[in-house]
């Protein structure tokens, strides 16, 4: 797969219930997922581990959008 063929998805609030299901589903379907979390670091790490089983380039970062100016 060339870099122009890679599928990538950005998900905000990826540790939430619905978003986490979407993140894993997209990873299972060939997308590298990048998602944010705010308070649920432990849950986010578990979701990332699951996503990376299907899409090793997946990643996450802490982001509190309520503090963005």
C-alpha atoms as a PDB file:
ATOM      1  CA  UNK A   1       0.000   0.000   0.000  1.00  0.00           C
ATOM      2  CA  UNK A   2       1.443   3.378  -0.922  1.00  0.00           C
ATOM      3  CA  UNK A   3       1.179   6.393   1.340  1.00  0.00           C
ATOM      4  CA  UNK A   4      -1.533   7.825  -0.899  1.00  0.00           C
ATOM      5  CA  UNK A   5      -3.614   4.695  -0.348  1.00  0.00           C
ATOM      6  CA  UNK A   6      -3.436   4.663   3.450  1.00  0.00           C
ATOM      7  CA  UNK A   7      -6.707   5.227   5.210  1.00  0.00           C
ATOM      8  CA  UNK A   8      -6.536   7.348   8.368  1.00  0.00           C
ATOM      9  CA  UNK A   9      -9.290   8.550  10.675  1.00  0.00           C
ATOM     10  CA  UNK A  10      -9.202  11.198  13.437  1.00  0.00           C
ATOM     11  CA  UNK A  11     -11.671  10.670  16.265  1.00  0.00           C
ATOM     12  CA  UNK A  12     -12.185  13.150  19.083  1.00  0.00           C
ATOM     13  CA  UNK A  13     -13.274  11.654  22.381  1.00  0.00           C
ATOM     14  CA  UNK A  14     -12.122   8.211  21.280  1.00  0.00           C
ATOM     15  CA  UNK A  15     -12.273   6.706  24.747  1.00  0.00           C
ATOM     16  CA  UNK A  16     -16.030   7.251  24.944  1.00  0.00           C
ATOM     17  CA  UNK A  17     -18.366   4.314  24.527  1.00  0.00           C
ATOM     18  CA  UNK A  18     -19.546   4.950  20.963  1.00  0.00           C
ATOM     19  CA  UNK A  19     -16.307   6.466  19.696  1.00  0.00           C
ATOM     20  CA  UNK A  20     -14.264   3.538  21.006  1.00  0.00           C
ATOM     21  CA  UNK A  21     -16.450   1.098  19.074  1.00  0.00           C
ATOM     22  CA  UNK A  22     -16.023   3.192  15.955  1.00  0.00           C
ATOM     23  CA  UNK A  23     -12.241   3.360  16.442  1.00  0.00           C
ATOM     24  CA  UNK A  24     -11.883  -0.412  16.744  1.00  0.00           C
ATOM     25  CA  UNK A  25     -14.260  -1.049  13.841  1.00  0.00           C
ATOM     26  CA  UNK A  26     -12.330   1.306  11.582  1.00  0.00           C
ATOM     27  CA  UNK A  27      -9.034  -0.335  12.581  1.00  0.00           C
ATOM     28  CA  UNK A  28     -10.521  -3.737  11.756  1.00  0.00           C
ATOM     29  CA  UNK A  29     -11.392  -2.340   8.327  1.00  0.00           C
ATOM     30  CA  UNK A  30      -7.902  -1.142   7.494  1.00  0.00           C
ATOM     31  CA  UNK A  31      -7.876   2.398   8.883  1.00  0.00           C
ATOM     32  CA  UNK A  32      -5.104   3.730  11.079  1.00  0.00           C
ATOM     33  CA  UNK A  33      -6.946   5.592  13.798  1.00  0.00           C
ATOM     34  CA  UNK A  34      -5.756   8.598  15.761  1.00  0.00           C
ATOM     35  CA  UNK A  35      -7.968   9.535  18.660  1.00  0.00           C
ATOM     36  CA  UNK A  36      -8.068  11.878  21.604  1.00  0.00           C
ATOM     37  CA  UNK A  37      -9.125  11.266  25.169  1.00  0.00           C
ATOM     38  CA  UNK A  38      -9.554  13.555  28.143  1.00  0.00           C
ATOM     39  CA  UNK A  39     -10.014  11.759  31.476  1.00  0.00           C
ATOM     40  CA  UNK A  40     -10.001   8.065  30.576  1.00  0.00           C
ATOM     41  CA  UNK A  41      -6.325   7.338  29.942  1.00  0.00           C
ATOM     42  CA  UNK A  42      -6.466   3.706  31.092  1.00  0.00           C
ATOM     43  CA  UNK A  43      -9.490   2.983  28.904  1.00  0.00           C
ATOM     44  CA  UNK A  44      -7.885   4.836  25.983  1.00  0.00           C
ATOM     45  CA  UNK A  45      -4.740   2.713  26.293  1.00  0.00           C
ATOM     46  CA  UNK A  46      -6.831  -0.475  26.119  1.00  0.00           C
ATOM     47  CA  UNK A  47      -8.655   0.808  23.041  1.00  0.00           C
ATOM     48  CA  UNK A  48      -5.342   1.715  21.425  1.00  0.00           C
ATOM     49  CA  UNK A  49      -3.969  -1.777  22.114  1.00  0.00           C
ATOM     50  CA  UNK A  50      -7.026  -3.287  20.447  1.00  0.00           C
ATOM     51  CA  UNK A  51      -6.827  -0.935  17.464  1.00  0.00           C
ATOM     52  CA  UNK A  52      -3.095  -1.595  17.029  1.00  0.00           C
ATOM     53  CA  UNK A  53      -3.771  -5.324  16.756  1.00  0.00           C
ATOM     54  CA  UNK A  54      -5.430  -4.478  13.428  1.00  0.00           C
ATOM     55  CA  UNK A  55      -3.724  -1.190  12.512  1.00  0.00           C
ATOM     56  CA  UNK A  56      -0.256  -0.892  14.098  1.00  0.00           C
ATOM     57  CA  UNK A  57       0.127   2.782  13.110  1.00  0.00           C
ATOM     58  CA  UNK A  58      -2.817   3.830  15.271  1.00  0.00           C
ATOM     59  CA  UNK A  59      -2.144   6.404  17.994  1.00  0.00           C
ATOM     60  CA  UNK A  60      -3.793   8.545  20.668  1.00  0.00           C
ATOM     61  CA  UNK A  61      -3.145  11.738  22.591  1.00  0.00           C
ATOM     62  CA  UNK A  62      -4.558  13.562  25.586  1.00  0.00           C
ATOM     63  CA  UNK A  63      -6.662  16.572  24.623  1.00  0.00           C
ATOM     64  CA  UNK A  64      -9.005  18.697  26.707  1.00  0.00           C
ATOM     65  CA  UNK A  65     -10.988  20.675  24.145  1.00  0.00           C
ATOM     66  CA  UNK A  66     -12.699  22.694  26.872  1.00  0.00           C
ATOM     67  CA  UNK A  67      -9.360  24.482  27.432  1.00  0.00           C
ATOM     68  CA  UNK A  68      -8.644  25.341  23.806  1.00  0.00           C
ATOM     69  CA  UNK A  69      -8.703  29.066  23.116  1.00  0.00           C
END
